[in-house]
Amino acid sequence: MLELSGGEIERYDGGGYEGPALRCTMAYVAVAGFEERDNGRRRIPRGTVWFALAENSRFAPPVRITTPLAAGGATIRLTEWRRSVVTIESDPAVTPPPEPSAAP
């Protein structure tokens, strides 16, 4: 299970995104099928994940993830950020054509 906690808003400047981001602590929590280590205590590796808080958006993609591994660590970074905005306007003055009438 992946557990996110903390959650502080900080400025992120790196690679494909610059702006406010939510920085969380990430932990792998063993649910089943894992043996306990470190003298009977469960060792939970912790990392961090940053989510972009783009203005006027409901989506917060991860822009950076760092996590410890047995061979050191891993970092995943967003390298490019593109955002599209689609605006749909309707003209209330335009009326749809009338429905065809049935012949008598």
PDB file of N, CA and C in Angstrom:
ATOM      1  N   MET A   1       0.852  -1.159   0.000  1.00  0.00           N
ATOM      2  CA  MET A   1       0.000   0.000   0.000  1.00  0.00           C
ATOM      3  C   MET A   1       0.905   1.231   0.000  1.00  0.00           C
ATOM      4  N   LEU A   2       0.565   2.231  -0.760  1.00  0.00           N
ATOM      5  CA  LEU A   2       1.321   3.477  -0.808  1.00  0.00           C
ATOM      6  C   LEU A   2       0.575   4.512   0.023  1.00  0.00           C
ATOM      7  N   GLU A   3       1.258   5.058   1.016  1.00  0.00           N
ATOM      8  CA  GLU A   3       0.641   6.009   1.934  1.00  0.00           C
ATOM      9  C   GLU A   3       1.264   7.387   1.732  1.00  0.00           C
ATOM     10  N   LEU A   4       0.437   8.397   1.531  1.00  0.00           N
ATOM     11  CA  LEU A   4       0.905   9.779   1.407  1.00  0.00           C
ATOM     12  C   LEU A   4       0.498  10.532   2.660  1.00  0.00           C
ATOM     13  N   SER A   5       1.415  11.332   3.198  1.00  0.00           N
ATOM     14  CA  SER A   5       1.123  12.112   4.395  1.00  0.00           C
ATOM     15  C   SER A   5       1.853  13.441   4.324  1.00  0.00           C
ATOM     16  N   GLY A   6       1.623  14.259   5.326  1.00  0.00           N
ATOM     17  CA  GLY A   6       2.268  15.571   5.364  1.00  0.00           C
ATOM     18  C   GLY A   6       1.460  16.549   4.531  1.00  0.00           C
ATOM     19  N   GLY A   7       1.965  16.877   3.405  1.00  0.00           N
ATOM     20  CA  GLY A   7       1.246  17.768   2.511  1.00  0.00           C
ATOM     21  C   GLY A   7       1.469  19.233   2.819  1.00  0.00           C
ATOM     22  N   GLU A   8       2.593  19.755   2.354  1.00  0.00           N
ATOM     23  CA  GLU A   8       2.889  21.180   2.504  1.00  0.00           C
ATOM     24  C   GLU A   8       3.030  21.797   1.128  1.00  0.00           C
ATOM     25  N   ILE A   9       2.494  22.987   0.958  1.00  0.00           N
ATOM     26  CA  ILE A   9       2.604  23.675  -0.326  1.00  0.00           C
ATOM     27  C   ILE A   9       3.908  24.455  -0.340  1.00  0.00           C
ATOM     28  N   GLU A  10       4.720  24.179  -1.370  1.00  0.00           N
ATOM     29  CA  GLU A  10       6.010  24.842  -1.542  1.00  0.00           C
ATOM     30  C   GLU A  10       6.179  25.218  -3.000  1.00  0.00           C
ATOM     31  N   ARG A  11       7.137  26.062  -3.271  1.00  0.00           N
ATOM     32  CA  ARG A  11       7.453  26.432  -4.652  1.00  0.00           C
ATOM     33  C   ARG A  11       8.314  25.335  -5.256  1.00  0.00           C
ATOM     34  N   TYR A  12       7.969  24.918  -6.473  1.00  0.00           N
ATOM     35  CA  TYR A  12       8.737  23.900  -7.177  1.00  0.00           C
ATOM     36  C   TYR A  12       9.304  24.519  -8.441  1.00  0.00           C
ATOM     37  N   ASP A  13      10.593  24.402  -8.631  1.00  0.00           N
ATOM     38  CA  ASP A  13      11.272  24.896  -9.830  1.00  0.00           C
ATOM     39  C   ASP A  13      12.158  23.779 -10.346  1.00  0.00           C
ATOM     40  N   GLY A  14      11.674  23.065 -11.297  1.00  0.00           N
ATOM     41  CA  GLY A  14      12.509  21.988 -11.812  1.00  0.00           C
ATOM     42  C   GLY A  14      11.930  21.361 -13.064  1.00  0.00           C
ATOM     43  N   GLY A  15      12.739  21.339 -14.094  1.00  0.00           N
ATOM     44  CA  GLY A  15      12.343  20.626 -15.304  1.00  0.00           C
ATOM     45  C   GLY A  15      11.132  21.198 -15.985  1.00  0.00           C
ATOM     46  N   GLY A  16      10.091  20.403 -16.038  1.00  0.00           N
ATOM     47  CA  GLY A  16       8.928  20.758 -16.832  1.00  0.00           C
ATOM     48  C   GLY A  16       7.881  21.598 -16.142  1.00  0.00           C
ATOM     49  N   TYR A  17       8.064  21.932 -14.866  1.00  0.00           N
ATOM     50  CA  TYR A  17       7.039  22.713 -14.164  1.00  0.00           C
ATOM     51  C   TYR A  17       7.702  23.659 -13.174  1.00  0.00           C
ATOM     52  N   GLU A  18       7.170  24.866 -13.120  1.00  0.00           N
ATOM     53  CA  GLU A  18       7.592  25.843 -12.121  1.00  0.00           C
ATOM     54  C   GLU A  18       6.345  26.475 -11.541  1.00  0.00           C
ATOM     55  N   GLY A  19       6.218  26.419 -10.235  1.00  0.00           N
ATOM     56  CA  GLY A  19       5.051  26.998  -9.588  1.00  0.00           C
ATOM     57  C   GLY A  19       4.774  26.302  -8.268  1.00  0.00           C
ATOM     58  N   PRO A  20       3.585  26.569  -7.698  1.00  0.00           N
ATOM     59  CA  PRO A  20       3.246  25.955  -6.418  1.00  0.00           C
ATOM     60  C   PRO A  20       3.038  24.446  -6.578  1.00  0.00           C
ATOM     61  N   ALA A  21       3.463  23.707  -5.564  1.00  0.00           N
ATOM     62  CA  ALA A  21       3.322  22.251  -5.592  1.00  0.00           C
ATOM     63  C   ALA A  21       3.054  21.748  -4.177  1.00  0.00           C
ATOM     64  N   LEU A  22       2.342  20.651  -4.103  1.00  0.00           N
ATOM     65  CA  LEU A  22       2.061  19.992  -2.835  1.00  0.00           C
ATOM     66  C   LEU A  22       3.122  18.927  -2.628  1.00  0.00           C
ATOM     67  N   ARG A  23       3.906  19.050  -1.559  1.00  0.00           N
ATOM     68  CA  ARG A  23       4.992  18.101  -1.257  1.00  0.00           C
ATOM     69  C   ARG A  23       4.529  17.178  -0.136  1.00  0.00           C
ATOM     70  N   CYS A  24       4.500  15.870  -0.426  1.00  0.00           N
ATOM     71  CA  CYS A  24       4.036  14.877   0.545  1.00  0.00           C
ATOM     72  C   CYS A  24       5.135  13.857   0.835  1.00  0.00           C
ATOM     73  N   THR A  25       5.074  13.280   2.012  1.00  0.00           N
ATOM     74  CA  THR A  25       5.922  12.151   2.348  1.00  0.00           C
ATOM     75  C   THR A  25       5.218  10.895   1.858  1.00  0.00           C
ATOM     76  N   MET A  26       5.993  10.007   1.262  1.00  0.00           N
ATOM     77  CA  MET A  26       5.438   8.781   0.704  1.00  0.00           C
ATOM     78  C   MET A  26       6.065   7.604   1.445  1.00  0.00           C
ATOM     79  N   ALA A  27       5.240   6.616   1.808  1.00  0.00           N
ATOM     80  CA  ALA A  27       5.745   5.425   2.491  1.00  0.00           C
ATOM     81  C   ALA A  27       5.112   4.184   1.897  1.00  0.00           C
ATOM     82  N   TYR A  28       5.921   3.138   1.766  1.00  0.00           N
ATOM     83  CA  TYR A  28       5.417   1.829   1.353  1.00  0.00           C
ATOM     84  C   TYR A  28       5.048   1.069   2.623  1.00  0.00           C
ATOM     85  N   VAL A  29       3.797   0.702   2.752  1.00  0.00           N
ATOM     86  CA  VAL A  29       3.345  -0.030   3.929  1.00  0.00           C
ATOM     87  C   VAL A  29       3.049  -1.457   3.490  1.00  0.00           C
ATOM     88  N   ALA A  30       3.768  -2.414   4.098  1.00  0.00           N
ATOM     89  CA  ALA A  30       3.568  -3.822   3.749  1.00  0.00           C
ATOM     90  C   ALA A  30       2.195  -4.271   4.236  1.00  0.00           C
ATOM     91  N   VAL A  31       1.409  -4.816   3.330  1.00  0.00           N
ATOM     92  CA  VAL A  31       0.072  -5.273   3.689  1.00  0.00           C
ATOM     93  C   VAL A  31       0.070  -6.785   3.903  1.00  0.00           C
ATOM     94  N   ALA A  32       0.689  -7.514   2.980  1.00  0.00           N
ATOM     95  CA  ALA A  32       0.738  -8.970   3.102  1.00  0.00           C
ATOM     96  C   ALA A  32       1.901  -9.491   2.267  1.00  0.00           C
ATOM     97  N   GLY A  33       2.410 -10.674   2.646  1.00  0.00           N
ATOM     98  CA  GLY A  33       3.445 -11.330   1.868  1.00  0.00           C
ATOM     99  C   GLY A  33       4.851 -10.804   2.096  1.00  0.00           C
ATOM    100  N   PHE A  34       5.073 -10.027   3.146  1.00  0.00           N
ATOM    101  CA  PHE A  34       6.392  -9.482   3.433  1.00  0.00           C
ATOM    102  C   PHE A  34       6.856  -9.963   4.801  1.00  0.00           C
ATOM    103  N   GLU A  35       8.162 -10.172   4.942  1.00  0.00           N
ATOM    104  CA  GLU A  35       8.728 -10.572   6.221  1.00  0.00           C
ATOM    105  C   GLU A  35       9.192  -9.339   6.980  1.00  0.00           C
ATOM    106  N   GLU A  36       9.059  -9.392   8.300  1.00  0.00           N
ATOM    107  CA  GLU A  36       9.537  -8.284   9.113  1.00  0.00           C
ATOM    108  C   GLU A  36      11.056  -8.304   9.144  1.00  0.00           C
ATOM    109  N   ARG A  37      11.675  -7.127   9.202  1.00  0.00           N
ATOM    110  CA  ARG A  37      13.136  -7.000   9.206  1.00  0.00           C
ATOM    111  C   ARG A  37      13.575  -6.086  10.341  1.00  0.00           C
ATOM    112  N   ASP A  38      14.879  -5.885  10.431  1.00  0.00           N
ATOM    113  CA  ASP A  38      15.480  -4.970  11.401  1.00  0.00           C
ATOM    114  C   ASP A  38      15.082  -5.311  12.840  1.00  0.00           C
ATOM    115  N   ASN A  39      15.477  -6.511  13.288  1.00  0.00           N
ATOM    116  CA  ASN A  39      15.244  -6.962  14.677  1.00  0.00           C
ATOM    117  C   ASN A  39      13.770  -6.955  15.069  1.00  0.00           C
ATOM    118  N   GLY A  40      12.935  -7.432  14.184  1.00  0.00           N
ATOM    119  CA  GLY A  40      11.514  -7.543  14.502  1.00  0.00           C
ATOM    120  C   GLY A  40      10.699  -6.293  14.223  1.00  0.00           C
ATOM    121  N   ARG A  41      11.354  -5.210  13.869  1.00  0.00           N
ATOM    122  CA  ARG A  41      10.606  -3.985  13.553  1.00  0.00           C
ATOM    123  C   ARG A  41      10.435  -3.894  12.044  1.00  0.00           C
ATOM    124  N   ARG A  42       9.334  -3.424  11.618  1.00  0.00           N
ATOM    125  CA  ARG A  42       9.078  -3.276  10.190  1.00  0.00           C
ATOM    126  C   ARG A  42       9.738  -1.997   9.685  1.00  0.00           C
ATOM    127  N   ARG A  43      10.581  -2.120   8.685  1.00  0.00           N
ATOM    128  CA  ARG A  43      11.250  -0.971   8.078  1.00  0.00           C
ATOM    129  C   ARG A  43      10.385  -0.469   6.933  1.00  0.00           C
ATOM    130  N   ILE A  44       9.951   0.763   7.018  1.00  0.00           N
ATOM    131  CA  ILE A  44       9.099   1.350   5.987  1.00  0.00           C
ATOM    132  C   ILE A  44       9.919   2.398   5.235  1.00  0.00           C
ATOM    133  N   PRO A  45      10.301   2.113   3.988  1.00  0.00           N
ATOM    134  CA  PRO A  45      11.041   3.109   3.207  1.00  0.00           C
ATOM    135  C   PRO A  45      10.173   4.340   2.962  1.00  0.00           C
ATOM    136  N   ARG A  46      10.765   5.517   3.105  1.00  0.00           N
ATOM    137  CA  ARG A  46      10.028   6.770   2.897  1.00  0.00           C
ATOM    138  C   ARG A  46      10.667   7.565   1.768  1.00  0.00           C
ATOM    139  N   GLY A  47       9.828   8.215   0.996  1.00  0.00           N
ATOM    140  CA  GLY A  47      10.280   9.069  -0.085  1.00  0.00           C
ATOM    141  C   GLY A  47       9.436  10.331  -0.096  1.00  0.00           C
ATOM    142  N   THR A  48       9.508  11.066  -1.173  1.00  0.00           N
ATOM    143  CA  THR A  48       8.684  12.269  -1.322  1.00  0.00           C
ATOM    144  C   THR A  48       8.054  12.278  -2.704  1.00  0.00           C
ATOM    145  N   VAL A  49       6.912  12.927  -2.789  1.00  0.00           N
ATOM    146  CA  VAL A  49       6.246  13.125  -4.073  1.00  0.00           C
ATOM    147  C   VAL A  49       5.715  14.560  -4.098  1.00  0.00           C
ATOM    148  N   TRP A  50       5.940  15.220  -5.242  1.00  0.00           N
ATOM    149  CA  TRP A  50       5.500  16.598  -5.447  1.00  0.00           C
ATOM    150  C   TRP A  50       4.387  16.587  -6.494  1.00  0.00           C
ATOM    151  N   PHE A  51       3.266  17.248  -6.205  1.00  0.00           N
ATOM    152  CA  PHE A  51       2.159  17.361  -7.146  1.00  0.00           C
ATOM    153  C   PHE A  51       2.019  18.823  -7.580  1.00  0.00           C
ATOM    154  N   ALA A  52       1.960  19.062  -8.891  1.00  0.00           N
ATOM    155  CA  ALA A  52       1.799  20.423  -9.422  1.00  0.00           C
ATOM    156  C   ALA A  52       0.419  20.955  -9.063  1.00  0.00           C
ATOM    157  N   LEU A  53       0.359  22.183  -8.581  1.00  0.00           N
ATOM    158  CA  LEU A  53      -0.911  22.843  -8.278  1.00  0.00           C
ATOM    159  C   LEU A  53      -1.123  23.960  -9.299  1.00  0.00           C
ATOM    160  N   ALA A  54      -1.417  23.562 -10.522  1.00  0.00           N
ATOM    161  CA  ALA A  54      -1.590  24.530 -11.608  1.00  0.00           C
ATOM    162  C   ALA A  54      -2.869  25.344 -11.389  1.00  0.00           C
ATOM    163  N   GLU A  55      -2.784  26.612 -11.724  1.00  0.00           N
ATOM    164  CA  GLU A  55      -3.912  27.520 -11.570  1.00  0.00           C
ATOM    165  C   GLU A  55      -5.085  27.076 -12.440  1.00  0.00           C
ATOM    166  N   ASN A  56      -6.294  27.194 -11.902  1.00  0.00           N
ATOM    167  CA  ASN A  56      -7.538  26.846 -12.607  1.00  0.00           C
ATOM    168  C   ASN A  56      -7.550  25.406 -13.109  1.00  0.00           C
ATOM    169  N   SER A  57      -7.059  24.486 -12.309  1.00  0.00           N
ATOM    170  CA  SER A  57      -7.030  23.083 -12.718  1.00  0.00           C
ATOM    171  C   SER A  57      -7.511  22.207 -11.567  1.00  0.00           C
ATOM    172  N   ARG A  58      -8.205  21.136 -11.901  1.00  0.00           N
ATOM    173  CA  ARG A  58      -8.645  20.173 -10.898  1.00  0.00           C
ATOM    174  C   ARG A  58      -7.712  18.967 -10.863  1.00  0.00           C
ATOM    175  N   PHE A  59      -6.727  18.949 -11.728  1.00  0.00           N
ATOM    176  CA  PHE A  59      -5.792  17.835 -11.854  1.00  0.00           C
ATOM    177  C   PHE A  59      -4.425  18.269 -11.340  1.00  0.00           C
ATOM    178  N   ALA A  60      -3.813  17.464 -10.491  1.00  0.00           N
ATOM    179  CA  ALA A  60      -2.499  17.781  -9.928  1.00  0.00           C
ATOM    180  C   ALA A  60      -1.542  16.626 -10.244  1.00  0.00           C
ATOM    181  N   PRO A  61      -0.868  16.699 -11.399  1.00  0.00           N
ATOM    182  CA  PRO A  61       0.024  15.596 -11.773  1.00  0.00           C
ATOM    183  C   PRO A  61       1.288  15.588 -10.914  1.00  0.00           C
ATOM    184  N   PRO A  62       1.853  14.405 -10.683  1.00  0.00           N
ATOM    185  CA  PRO A  62       3.120  14.356  -9.958  1.00  0.00           C
ATOM    186  C   PRO A  62       4.241  14.908 -10.849  1.00  0.00           C
ATOM    187  N   VAL A  63       5.065  15.787 -10.288  1.00  0.00           N
ATOM    188  CA  VAL A  63       6.170  16.373 -11.050  1.00  0.00           C
ATOM    189  C   VAL A  63       7.525  15.835 -10.594  1.00  0.00           C
ATOM    190  N   ARG A  64       7.567  15.242  -9.412  1.00  0.00           N
ATOM    191  CA  ARG A  64       8.822  14.653  -8.915  1.00  0.00           C
ATOM    192  C   ARG A  64       8.486  13.599  -7.866  1.00  0.00           C
ATOM    193  N   ILE A  65       9.138  12.447  -7.995  1.00  0.00           N
ATOM    194  CA  ILE A  65       8.993  11.374  -7.016  1.00  0.00           C
ATOM    195  C   ILE A  65      10.396  10.888  -6.674  1.00  0.00           C
ATOM    196  N   THR A  66      10.715  10.827  -5.397  1.00  0.00           N
ATOM    197  CA  THR A  66      11.986  10.251  -4.968  1.00  0.00           C
ATOM    198  C   THR A  66      11.667   9.139  -3.984  1.00  0.00           C
ATOM    199  N   THR A  67      12.371   8.033  -4.130  1.00  0.00           N
ATOM    200  CA  THR A  67      12.125   6.892  -3.255  1.00  0.00           C
ATOM    201  C   THR A  67      13.418   6.111  -3.038  1.00  0.00           C
ATOM    202  N   PRO A  68      13.619   5.585  -1.835  1.00  0.00           N
ATOM    203  CA  PRO A  68      14.805   4.761  -1.595  1.00  0.00           C
ATOM    204  C   PRO A  68      14.621   3.378  -2.206  1.00  0.00           C
ATOM    205  N   LEU A  69      15.726   2.800  -2.659  1.00  0.00           N
ATOM    206  CA  LEU A  69      15.747   1.441  -3.185  1.00  0.00           C
ATOM    207  C   LEU A  69      16.889   0.687  -2.525  1.00  0.00           C
ATOM    208  N   ALA A  70      16.910  -0.622  -2.671  1.00  0.00           N
ATOM    209  CA  ALA A  70      17.983  -1.418  -2.086  1.00  0.00           C
ATOM    210  C   ALA A  70      19.346  -1.010  -2.637  1.00  0.00           C
ATOM    211  N   ALA A  71      19.388  -0.556  -3.881  1.00  0.00           N
ATOM    212  CA  ALA A  71      20.658  -0.184  -4.525  1.00  0.00           C
ATOM    213  C   ALA A  71      20.912   1.321  -4.475  1.00  0.00           C
ATOM    214  N   GLY A  72      20.256   2.044  -3.626  1.00  0.00           N
ATOM    215  CA  GLY A  72      20.445   3.497  -3.547  1.00  0.00           C
ATOM    216  C   GLY A  72      19.117   4.215  -3.510  1.00  0.00           C
ATOM    217  N   GLY A  73      18.744   4.827  -4.629  1.00  0.00           N
ATOM    218  CA  GLY A  73      17.480   5.541  -4.677  1.00  0.00           C
ATOM    219  C   GLY A  73      17.070   5.798  -6.111  1.00  0.00           C
ATOM    220  N   ALA A  74      15.856   6.232  -6.276  1.00  0.00           N
ATOM    221  CA  ALA A  74      15.348   6.536  -7.610  1.00  0.00           C
ATOM    222  C   ALA A  74      14.640   7.883  -7.570  1.00  0.00           C
ATOM    223  N   THR A  75      14.780   8.638  -8.656  1.00  0.00           N
ATOM    224  CA  THR A  75      14.083   9.914  -8.811  1.00  0.00           C
ATOM    225  C   THR A  75      13.407   9.922 -10.168  1.00  0.00           C
ATOM    226  N   ILE A  76      12.143  10.260 -10.168  1.00  0.00           N
ATOM    227  CA  ILE A  76      11.365  10.397 -11.399  1.00  0.00           C
ATOM    228  C   ILE A  76      10.932  11.852 -11.472  1.00  0.00           C
ATOM    229  N   ARG A  77      11.202  12.498 -12.615  1.00  0.00           N
ATOM    230  CA  ARG A  77      10.876  13.917 -12.779  1.00  0.00           C
ATOM    231  C   ARG A  77      10.068  14.158 -14.034  1.00  0.00           C
ATOM    232  N   LEU A  78       9.145  15.078 -13.961  1.00  0.00           N
ATOM    233  CA  LEU A  78       8.413  15.542 -15.127  1.00  0.00           C
ATOM    234  C   LEU A  78       9.364  16.401 -15.951  1.00  0.00           C
ATOM    235  N   THR A  79       9.488  16.127 -17.235  1.00  0.00           N
ATOM    236  CA  THR A  79      10.434  16.879 -18.061  1.00  0.00           C
ATOM    237  C   THR A  79       9.759  17.919 -18.933  1.00  0.00           C
ATOM    238  N   GLU A  80       8.467  17.795 -19.134  1.00  0.00           N
ATOM    239  CA  GLU A  80       7.777  18.770 -19.970  1.00  0.00           C
ATOM    240  C   GLU A  80       6.341  18.888 -19.501  1.00  0.00           C
ATOM    241  N   TRP A  81       5.842  20.110 -19.497  1.00  0.00           N
ATOM    242  CA  TRP A  81       4.476  20.390 -19.034  1.00  0.00           C
ATOM    243  C   TRP A  81       3.769  21.164 -20.128  1.00  0.00           C
ATOM    244  N   ARG A  82       2.693  20.621 -20.628  1.00  0.00           N
ATOM    245  CA  ARG A  82       1.848  21.324 -21.603  1.00  0.00           C
ATOM    246  C   ARG A  82       0.438  21.301 -21.084  1.00  0.00           C
ATOM    247  N   ARG A  83      -0.206  22.407 -21.224  1.00  0.00           N
ATOM    248  CA  ARG A  83      -1.573  22.501 -20.737  1.00  0.00           C
ATOM    249  C   ARG A  83      -2.435  23.085 -21.830  1.00  0.00           C
ATOM    250  N   SER A  84      -3.564  22.461 -22.083  1.00  0.00           N
ATOM    251  CA  SER A  84      -4.498  22.944 -23.087  1.00  0.00           C
ATOM    252  C   SER A  84      -5.762  23.419 -22.396  1.00  0.00           C
ATOM    253  N   VAL A  85      -6.322  24.461 -22.928  1.00  0.00           N
ATOM    254  CA  VAL A  85      -7.582  24.973 -22.415  1.00  0.00           C
ATOM    255  C   VAL A  85      -8.565  24.983 -23.570  1.00  0.00           C
ATOM    256  N   VAL A  86      -9.714  24.399 -23.354  1.00  0.00           N
ATOM    257  CA  VAL A  86     -10.758  24.363 -24.371  1.00  0.00           C
ATOM    258  C   VAL A  86     -11.935  25.174 -23.848  1.00  0.00           C
ATOM    259  N   THR A  87     -12.355  26.142 -24.622  1.00  0.00           N
ATOM    260  CA  THR A  87     -13.498  26.969 -24.251  1.00  0.00           C
ATOM    261  C   THR A  87     -14.636  26.687 -25.221  1.00  0.00           C
ATOM    262  N   ILE A  88     -15.786  26.343 -24.681  1.00  0.00           N
ATOM    263  CA  ILE A  88     -16.959  26.084 -25.507  1.00  0.00           C
ATOM    264  C   ILE A  88     -17.968  27.181 -25.214  1.00  0.00           C
ATOM    265  N   GLU A  89     -18.350  27.880 -26.256  1.00  0.00           N
ATOM    266  CA  GLU A  89     -19.323  28.954 -26.112  1.00  0.00           C
ATOM    267  C   GLU A  89     -20.575  28.585 -26.882  1.00  0.00           C
ATOM    268  N   SER A  90     -21.707  28.926 -26.329  1.00  0.00           N
ATOM    269  CA  SER A  90     -22.962  28.718 -27.059  1.00  0.00           C
ATOM    270  C   SER A  90     -23.628  30.073 -27.225  1.00  0.00           C
ATOM    271  N   ASP A  91     -24.232  30.261 -28.379  1.00  0.00           N
ATOM    272  CA  ASP A  91     -24.897  31.515 -28.683  1.00  0.00           C
ATOM    273  C   ASP A  91     -26.389  31.315 -28.462  1.00  0.00           C
ATOM    274  N   PRO A  92     -26.964  31.919 -27.412  1.00  0.00           N
ATOM    275  CA  PRO A  92     -28.387  31.709 -27.131  1.00  0.00           C
ATOM    276  C   PRO A  92     -29.294  32.272 -28.232  1.00  0.00           C
ATOM    277  N   ALA A  93     -28.792  33.163 -29.088  1.00  0.00           N
ATOM    278  CA  ALA A  93     -29.615  33.738 -30.153  1.00  0.00           C
ATOM    279  C   ALA A  93     -29.831  32.746 -31.292  1.00  0.00           C
ATOM    280  N   VAL A  94     -28.975  31.754 -31.387  1.00  0.00           N
ATOM    281  CA  VAL A  94     -29.114  30.767 -32.454  1.00  0.00           C
ATOM    282  C   VAL A  94     -30.086  29.695 -31.986  1.00  0.00           C
ATOM    283  N   THR A  95     -31.106  29.445 -32.785  1.00  0.00           N
ATOM    284  CA  THR A  95     -32.077  28.412 -32.433  1.00  0.00           C
ATOM    285  C   THR A  95     -31.919  27.237 -33.384  1.00  0.00           C
ATOM    286  N   PRO A  96     -32.149  26.048 -32.891  1.00  0.00           N
ATOM    287  CA  PRO A  96     -32.012  24.887 -33.760  1.00  0.00           C
ATOM    288  C   PRO A  96     -33.122  24.863 -34.812  1.00  0.00           C
ATOM    289  N   PRO A  97     -32.899  24.208 -35.946  1.00  0.00           N
ATOM    290  CA  PRO A  97     -33.932  24.138 -36.970  1.00  0.00           C
ATOM    291  C   PRO A  97     -35.137  23.365 -36.443  1.00  0.00           C
ATOM    292  N   PRO A  98     -36.331  23.663 -36.983  1.00  0.00           N
ATOM    293  CA  PRO A  98     -37.536  22.976 -36.486  1.00  0.00           C
ATOM    294  C   PRO A  98     -37.498  21.493 -36.880  1.00  0.00           C
ATOM    295  N   GLU A  99     -38.156  20.708 -36.060  1.00  0.00           N
ATOM    296  CA  GLU A  99     -38.279  19.267 -36.305  1.00  0.00           C
ATOM    297  C   GLU A  99     -39.148  19.064 -37.547  1.00  0.00           C
ATOM    298  N   PRO A 100     -38.840  18.093 -38.404  1.00  0.00           N
ATOM    299  CA  PRO A 100     -39.731  17.835 -39.561  1.00  0.00           C
ATOM    300  C   PRO A 100     -41.082  17.352 -39.072  1.00  0.00           C
ATOM    301  N   SER A 101     -42.122  17.875 -39.717  1.00  0.00           N
ATOM    302  CA  SER A 101     -43.478  17.491 -39.291  1.00  0.00           C
ATOM    303  C   SER A 101     -43.936  16.298 -40.095  1.00  0.00           C
ATOM    304  N   ALA A 102     -44.831  15.531 -39.501  1.00  0.00           N
ATOM    305  CA  ALA A 102     -45.383  14.354 -40.188  1.00  0.00           C
ATOM    306  C   ALA A 102     -46.437  14.808 -41.187  1.00  0.00           C
ATOM    307  N   ALA A 103     -46.482  14.179 -42.360  1.00  0.00           N
ATOM    308  CA  ALA A 103     -47.481  14.530 -43.388  1.00  0.00           C
ATOM    309  C   ALA A 103     -48.843  14.020 -42.954  1.00  0.00           C
ATOM    310  N   PRO A 104     -49.938  14.840 -43.208  1.00  0.00           N
ATOM    311  CA  PRO A 104     -51.287  14.403 -42.788  1.00  0.00           C
ATOM    312  C   PRO A 104     -51.838  13.290 -43.626  1.00  0.00           C
TER     313      PRO A 104
END
